[in-house]
Amino acid sequence: MITLRAIEEADLSLIKTWRNSTYVMPYCRQYRPLSRQDMYDWYMAKKDGDYNLTTDLLMIMLDSKPIGVGGYTRIDWRNRKGEVSFYVGDISSLLEENIVEALSVVVEYGLKTLNLFKVYFPCYSNNPYIPFYEKVLQREYLAPNEYFWDGRYLDRIVLSKYEECKCETTTS
């Protein structure tokens, strides 16, 4: 069973290891390794209270074992949208169903708990887990040549999900 819990100071070393791993770093916007000080500074800023105004990140747990980090960054409260932040630490030790369920829980947290209307997840085209993510989110658009990694430019694929509601849309 997948659950979410608050990130604790004791989690920082594990999160740093995951974030700097070959399972996670090649698919993140931030391309440089994180240091212990980077993690501590981030955590202390989170504790100061302003953190949840634009970001809400949590530990992802599988049967009480931490497996990743998920939540939201760049939250726009006025327009009720937020960017999904999601990764699992050692993806090789998890089943596809675990990853899909974990992302589903994070997406539902944004829609139901944070009351967001739209959640979106930018992924780079080198990410081999996009087929897993597309079981939870729909492909919204592709932005060509948006991210430089390993000597070449990659496309950014944006996946999204909207709250179920009656909304007026216009087309031009």
Protein backbone atom coordinates (compact mmCIF):
# COMPACT_ATOMS: atom_id res chain seq x y z
CA MET A 1 0.00 0.00 0.00
CA ILE A 2 1.34 3.43 -0.97
CA THR A 3 1.10 6.26 1.55
CA LEU A 4 2.62 9.72 1.90
CA ARG A 5 4.26 11.23 4.96
CA ALA A 6 6.19 14.36 5.89
CA ILE A 7 9.88 14.48 5.07
CA GLU A 8 12.00 14.35 8.22
CA GLU A 9 15.57 15.47 8.78
CA ALA A 10 16.62 11.82 9.10
CA ASP A 11 15.43 11.27 5.47
CA LEU A 12 17.83 13.80 3.96
CA SER A 13 20.75 11.43 3.40
CA LEU A 14 18.53 8.89 1.65
CA ILE A 15 16.87 11.56 -0.49
CA LYS A 16 20.31 12.94 -1.50
CA THR A 17 21.45 9.43 -2.48
CA TRP A 18 18.33 8.89 -4.59
CA ARG A 19 18.45 12.34 -6.18
CA ASN A 20 22.11 11.93 -7.18
CA SER A 21 21.63 8.39 -8.52
CA THR A 22 21.55 7.25 -12.13
CA TYR A 23 17.91 6.27 -11.54
CA VAL A 24 16.88 9.88 -10.89
CA MET A 25 19.39 12.60 -11.85
CA PRO A 26 19.31 12.18 -15.66
CA TYR A 27 15.57 12.92 -15.61
CA CYS A 28 15.58 15.99 -13.33
CA ARG A 29 15.67 19.65 -14.26
CA GLN A 30 18.45 20.23 -11.74
CA TYR A 31 21.47 18.66 -13.37
CA ARG A 32 24.15 19.00 -10.69
CA PRO A 33 24.60 16.64 -7.75
CA LEU A 34 23.17 17.79 -4.44
CA SER A 35 25.41 18.05 -1.39
CA ARG A 36 24.59 17.32 2.23
CA GLN A 37 24.55 21.09 2.81
CA ASP A 38 22.15 21.62 -0.11
CA MET A 39 19.76 19.11 1.45
CA TYR A 40 20.07 20.61 4.92
CA ASP A 41 19.51 24.18 3.64
CA TRP A 42 16.44 23.02 1.69
CA TYR A 43 15.04 21.23 4.73
CA MET A 44 15.61 24.20 7.04
CA ALA A 45 13.86 26.54 4.56
CA LYS A 46 10.96 24.06 4.50
CA LYS A 47 10.73 24.16 8.29
CA ASP A 48 10.56 27.98 8.31
CA GLY A 49 6.93 27.92 7.17
CA ASP A 50 7.07 29.71 3.80
CA TYR A 51 7.86 26.40 2.14
CA ASN A 52 4.28 25.26 1.55
CA LEU A 53 3.30 28.45 -0.25
CA THR A 54 4.79 27.19 -3.52
CA THR A 55 6.06 23.67 -2.78
CA ASP A 56 4.69 20.62 -1.01
CA LEU A 57 6.94 17.54 -1.11
CA LEU A 58 6.45 14.30 0.82
CA MET A 59 8.06 10.88 1.28
CA ILE A 60 6.40 8.10 -0.68
CA MET A 61 6.06 4.95 1.40
CA LEU A 62 5.39 1.40 0.23
CA ASP A 63 4.23 -0.72 3.18
CA SER A 64 6.01 1.66 5.62
CA LYS A 65 9.27 1.61 3.62
CA PRO A 66 10.43 4.84 1.95
CA ILE A 67 10.67 4.43 -1.82
CA GLY A 68 10.66 7.98 -3.19
CA VAL A 69 9.64 11.61 -3.05
CA GLY A 70 6.51 13.14 -4.49
CA GLY A 71 4.48 16.28 -4.33
CA TYR A 72 4.24 19.67 -5.96
CA THR A 73 6.44 22.59 -6.93
CA ARG A 74 5.55 25.84 -8.63
CA ILE A 75 2.09 25.80 -7.09
CA ASP A 76 -0.09 28.57 -8.50
CA TRP A 77 -2.89 28.91 -5.95
CA ARG A 78 -4.86 31.53 -7.91
CA ASN A 79 -5.19 29.25 -10.94
CA ARG A 80 -5.19 26.08 -8.84
CA LYS A 81 -2.39 24.30 -10.68
CA GLY A 82 0.86 22.71 -9.63
CA GLU A 83 3.82 20.92 -11.13
CA VAL A 84 4.22 17.30 -10.07
CA SER A 85 7.58 16.41 -8.58
CA PHE A 86 8.01 12.65 -8.47
CA TYR A 87 10.75 10.08 -8.32
CA VAL A 88 11.38 6.72 -6.78
CA GLY A 89 14.82 5.92 -5.42
CA ASP A 90 15.87 2.55 -6.80
CA ILE A 91 13.38 1.87 -9.53
CA SER A 92 14.95 -1.53 -10.26
CA SER A 93 13.66 -2.87 -6.93
CA LEU A 94 10.01 -1.91 -7.64
CA LEU A 95 7.27 -3.33 -9.78
CA GLU A 96 5.67 -1.20 -12.47
CA GLU A 97 2.43 -1.35 -10.49
CA ASN A 98 4.19 0.18 -7.46
CA ILE A 99 5.43 3.12 -9.52
CA VAL A 100 2.03 3.68 -11.16
CA GLU A 101 0.26 3.50 -7.79
CA ALA A 102 2.79 5.88 -6.20
CA LEU A 103 2.29 8.46 -8.95
CA SER A 104 -1.50 8.01 -8.68
CA VAL A 105 -1.37 8.75 -4.95
CA VAL A 106 0.72 11.88 -5.56
CA VAL A 107 -1.65 13.08 -8.31
CA GLU A 108 -4.73 12.48 -6.14
CA TYR A 109 -3.04 14.30 -3.25
CA GLY A 110 -2.77 17.37 -5.47
CA LEU A 111 -6.32 17.17 -6.78
CA LYS A 112 -8.13 16.14 -3.60
CA THR A 113 -6.02 17.41 -0.68
CA LEU A 114 -4.42 20.53 -2.16
CA ASN A 115 -7.60 21.25 -4.18
CA LEU A 116 -5.68 21.86 -7.39
CA PHE A 117 -7.61 21.97 -10.64
CA LYS A 118 -4.68 20.95 -12.86
CA VAL A 119 -1.58 18.96 -12.12
CA TYR A 120 1.16 18.71 -14.72
CA PHE A 121 4.36 16.70 -14.91
CA PRO A 122 7.13 17.82 -17.27
CA CYS A 123 9.31 14.89 -18.34
CA TYR A 124 12.29 14.80 -20.66
CA SER A 125 12.26 12.48 -23.64
CA ASN A 126 15.18 10.44 -22.26
CA ASN A 127 13.01 9.26 -19.35
CA PRO A 128 12.27 5.54 -19.86
CA TYR A 129 9.45 5.64 -17.27
CA ILE A 130 7.13 7.85 -19.32
CA PRO A 131 5.00 4.82 -20.34
CA PHE A 132 4.37 4.19 -16.60
CA TYR A 133 3.48 7.84 -16.03
CA GLU A 134 1.07 7.83 -18.98
CA LYS A 135 -1.04 5.26 -17.14
CA VAL A 136 -1.91 8.05 -14.68
CA LEU A 137 -1.57 11.29 -16.67
CA GLN A 138 -2.41 12.31 -20.24
CA ARG A 139 0.11 13.75 -22.67
CA GLU A 140 -0.74 17.43 -22.99
CA TYR A 141 2.02 18.76 -25.23
CA LEU A 142 5.58 18.36 -26.42
CA ALA A 143 8.12 21.19 -26.42
CA PRO A 144 11.02 20.38 -28.75
CA ASN A 145 14.66 20.82 -27.73
CA GLU A 146 13.96 22.16 -24.22
CA TYR A 147 16.61 20.40 -22.13
CA PHE A 148 20.33 19.88 -22.68
CA TRP A 149 21.63 16.59 -21.31
CA ASP A 150 24.65 14.47 -22.14
CA GLY A 151 25.66 16.49 -25.20
CA ARG A 152 22.27 16.82 -26.89
CA TYR A 153 18.95 18.63 -26.64
CA LEU A 154 15.92 16.65 -25.54
CA ASP A 155 12.22 17.29 -25.90
CA ARG A 156 10.10 18.14 -22.87
CA ILE A 157 6.88 16.13 -22.68
CA VAL A 158 4.21 17.56 -20.40
CA LEU A 159 1.73 15.14 -18.91
CA SER A 160 -1.30 16.42 -17.01
CA LYS A 161 -4.55 15.64 -15.28
CA TYR A 162 -7.47 17.92 -14.51
CA GLU A 163 -10.00 17.83 -11.71
CA GLU A 164 -13.36 16.53 -12.83
CA CYS A 165 -15.59 19.58 -13.15
CA LYS A 166 -17.85 21.48 -15.48
CA CYS A 167 -15.59 24.07 -17.03
CA GLU A 168 -16.21 26.51 -19.79
CA THR A 169 -13.63 26.34 -22.56
CA THR A 170 -13.15 28.57 -25.51
CA THR A 171 -11.37 28.00 -28.79
CA SER A 172 -10.07 30.65 -31.10
